[in-house]
Amino acid sequence: QVQLVESGGGLVQPGGSLRLSCVGSGFTFRYYVMKWYRQAPGQEREMVAGVTIDGGRKNYAESVKGRFTISRDNIRKTVYLQMNNLKLEDTAVYYCRAEGMGTSTEYWGQGTQVTVSS
C-alpha cells in the first residue's frame, strides 16, 4: 500500500520557522522526484518546491525562494521542507507529491496544515 505521510505543520507567528516531513512507503522512494505543494482556502494548489531523485537539483516557487529549503533522505524515504521567515500568505495545507520518472505515476499525501498568524 502506497503512503505519503506529512507531518510538522502547525501554528507559527510571522517570521517563525517550521520543518515539514513526508515519509513514503509502498513504493521505491529513491526513483521518484519529490515535490511540495500547497493550497490556501479558495485558491488553486501550487507547487512550492521540488527535488530530483538524487537531491542534486532543486527548484522553488518565486514566492518562497530564499526562505524555504527542500531536501530528501533516500535512506529514510523522507522529503523535508524547511520553512523560515514565514509570512501570513504562507498559510495553507501543504502536500507532498511523488512523481515517477518517465511515467505518469504520482502519489499524494493527505496534507498538513500550516497557519501563520500573529
Protein backbone atom coordinates (compact mmCIF):
# COMPACT_ATOMS: atom_id res chain seq x y z
CA GLN A 1 0.00 0.00 0.00
CA VAL A 2 1.44 3.32 -1.11
CA GLN A 3 1.53 6.02 1.51
CA LEU A 4 2.91 9.52 1.84
CA VAL A 5 2.52 10.85 5.34
CA GLU A 6 3.23 14.51 6.06
CA SER A 7 3.90 15.95 9.48
CA GLY A 8 5.32 19.06 11.08
CA GLY A 9 2.60 21.57 10.37
CA GLY A 10 1.18 23.87 12.99
CA LEU A 11 0.59 27.41 14.11
CA VAL A 12 3.50 29.82 13.96
CA GLN A 13 3.95 33.57 14.20
CA PRO A 14 5.17 35.63 11.25
CA GLY A 15 8.93 35.35 10.98
CA GLY A 16 8.93 31.93 12.56
CA SER A 17 10.06 28.57 11.19
CA LEU A 18 8.67 25.11 10.67
CA ARG A 19 10.06 21.93 9.17
CA LEU A 20 7.70 19.65 7.32
CA SER A 21 8.45 15.98 6.76
CA CYS A 22 6.93 13.49 4.35
CA VAL A 23 7.64 9.80 4.70
CA GLY A 24 6.99 7.49 1.78
CA SER A 25 6.24 3.79 1.84
CA GLY A 26 4.94 1.14 -0.52
CA PHE A 27 6.97 2.37 -3.50
CA THR A 28 10.63 2.79 -4.43
CA PHE A 29 11.15 6.23 -2.98
CA ARG A 30 14.60 6.84 -4.47
CA TYR A 31 13.25 6.61 -8.03
CA TYR A 32 10.70 9.38 -7.56
CA VAL A 33 11.00 13.12 -7.94
CA MET A 34 9.59 14.68 -4.80
CA LYS A 35 7.69 17.93 -4.60
CA TRP A 36 5.85 20.03 -2.06
CA TYR A 37 2.62 21.78 -3.00
CA ARG A 38 0.30 23.98 -1.02
CA GLN A 39 -3.29 25.07 -1.25
CA ALA A 40 -4.77 28.05 0.52
CA PRO A 41 -8.54 28.42 1.01
CA GLY A 42 -10.24 29.42 -2.23
CA GLN A 43 -7.05 29.11 -4.23
CA GLU A 44 -5.60 26.56 -6.60
CA ARG A 45 -2.95 24.14 -5.47
CA GLU A 46 0.51 25.44 -6.35
CA MET A 47 3.94 23.89 -6.41
CA VAL A 48 6.26 25.20 -3.73
CA ALA A 49 9.45 23.21 -4.22
CA GLY A 50 10.82 20.16 -5.98
CA VAL A 51 13.91 17.97 -5.73
CA THR A 52 15.38 15.43 -8.14
CA ILE A 53 15.84 11.78 -7.27
CA ASP A 54 19.41 12.22 -6.05
CA GLY A 55 18.78 15.56 -4.38
CA GLY A 56 21.17 17.28 -6.77
CA ARG A 57 18.75 19.77 -8.25
CA LYS A 58 16.07 21.78 -6.55
CA ASN A 59 13.58 24.34 -7.72
CA TYR A 60 11.31 26.73 -5.89
CA ALA A 61 8.35 28.96 -6.45
CA GLU A 62 9.41 32.59 -6.62
CA SER A 63 7.34 33.40 -3.56
CA VAL A 64 9.43 31.11 -1.32
CA LYS A 65 12.92 31.43 -2.78
CA GLY A 66 15.47 32.25 -0.12
CA ARG A 67 13.10 31.25 2.68
CA PHE A 68 12.25 27.58 2.03
CA THR A 69 14.63 24.68 1.51
CA ILE A 70 13.68 21.26 0.20
CA SER A 71 15.83 18.21 0.91
CA ARG A 72 15.48 14.45 0.86
CA ASP A 73 16.91 11.41 2.57
CA ASN A 74 16.52 8.35 0.37
CA ILE A 75 17.58 6.00 3.15
CA ARG A 76 14.85 7.29 5.43
CA LYS A 77 12.47 7.68 2.46
CA THR A 78 11.70 11.17 3.62
CA VAL A 79 11.46 14.57 1.98
CA TYR A 80 11.68 17.72 4.06
CA LEU A 81 10.65 21.31 3.66
CA GLN A 82 12.41 23.75 5.93
CA MET A 83 10.39 26.95 6.05
CA ASN A 84 11.97 30.07 7.51
CA ASN A 85 10.78 33.65 7.84
CA LEU A 86 7.19 32.53 7.41
CA LYS A 87 4.65 35.05 6.22
CA LEU A 88 0.90 35.30 6.61
CA GLU A 89 0.50 34.33 2.97
CA ASP A 90 2.26 31.03 3.57
CA THR A 91 -0.84 29.80 5.38
CA ALA A 92 -2.11 26.74 3.52
CA VAL A 93 -2.40 22.99 3.57
CA TYR A 94 0.94 21.57 2.44
CA TYR A 95 1.07 18.35 0.44
CA CYS A 96 3.93 16.21 -0.72
CA ARG A 97 3.86 14.52 -4.09
CA ALA A 98 5.92 11.72 -5.59
CA GLU A 99 6.36 11.68 -9.38
CA GLY A 100 7.65 8.62 -11.17
CA MET A 101 10.38 9.49 -13.68
CA GLY A 102 9.28 8.94 -17.26
CA THR A 103 5.87 7.73 -16.15
CA SER A 104 2.55 9.26 -15.27
CA THR A 105 2.63 7.65 -11.84
CA GLU A 106 2.09 10.05 -8.98
CA TYR A 107 1.22 9.81 -5.33
CA TRP A 108 -0.06 12.45 -2.93
CA GLY A 109 0.00 12.76 0.80
CA GLN A 110 -3.01 13.77 2.87
CA GLY A 111 -1.64 17.21 3.70
CA THR A 112 -0.58 19.09 6.80
CA GLN A 113 -1.93 22.47 7.86
CA VAL A 114 0.43 25.41 8.24
CA THR A 115 -1.06 28.53 9.79
CA VAL A 116 0.95 31.72 10.09
CA SER A 117 -0.76 34.16 12.39
CA SER A 118 0.07 36.76 14.98
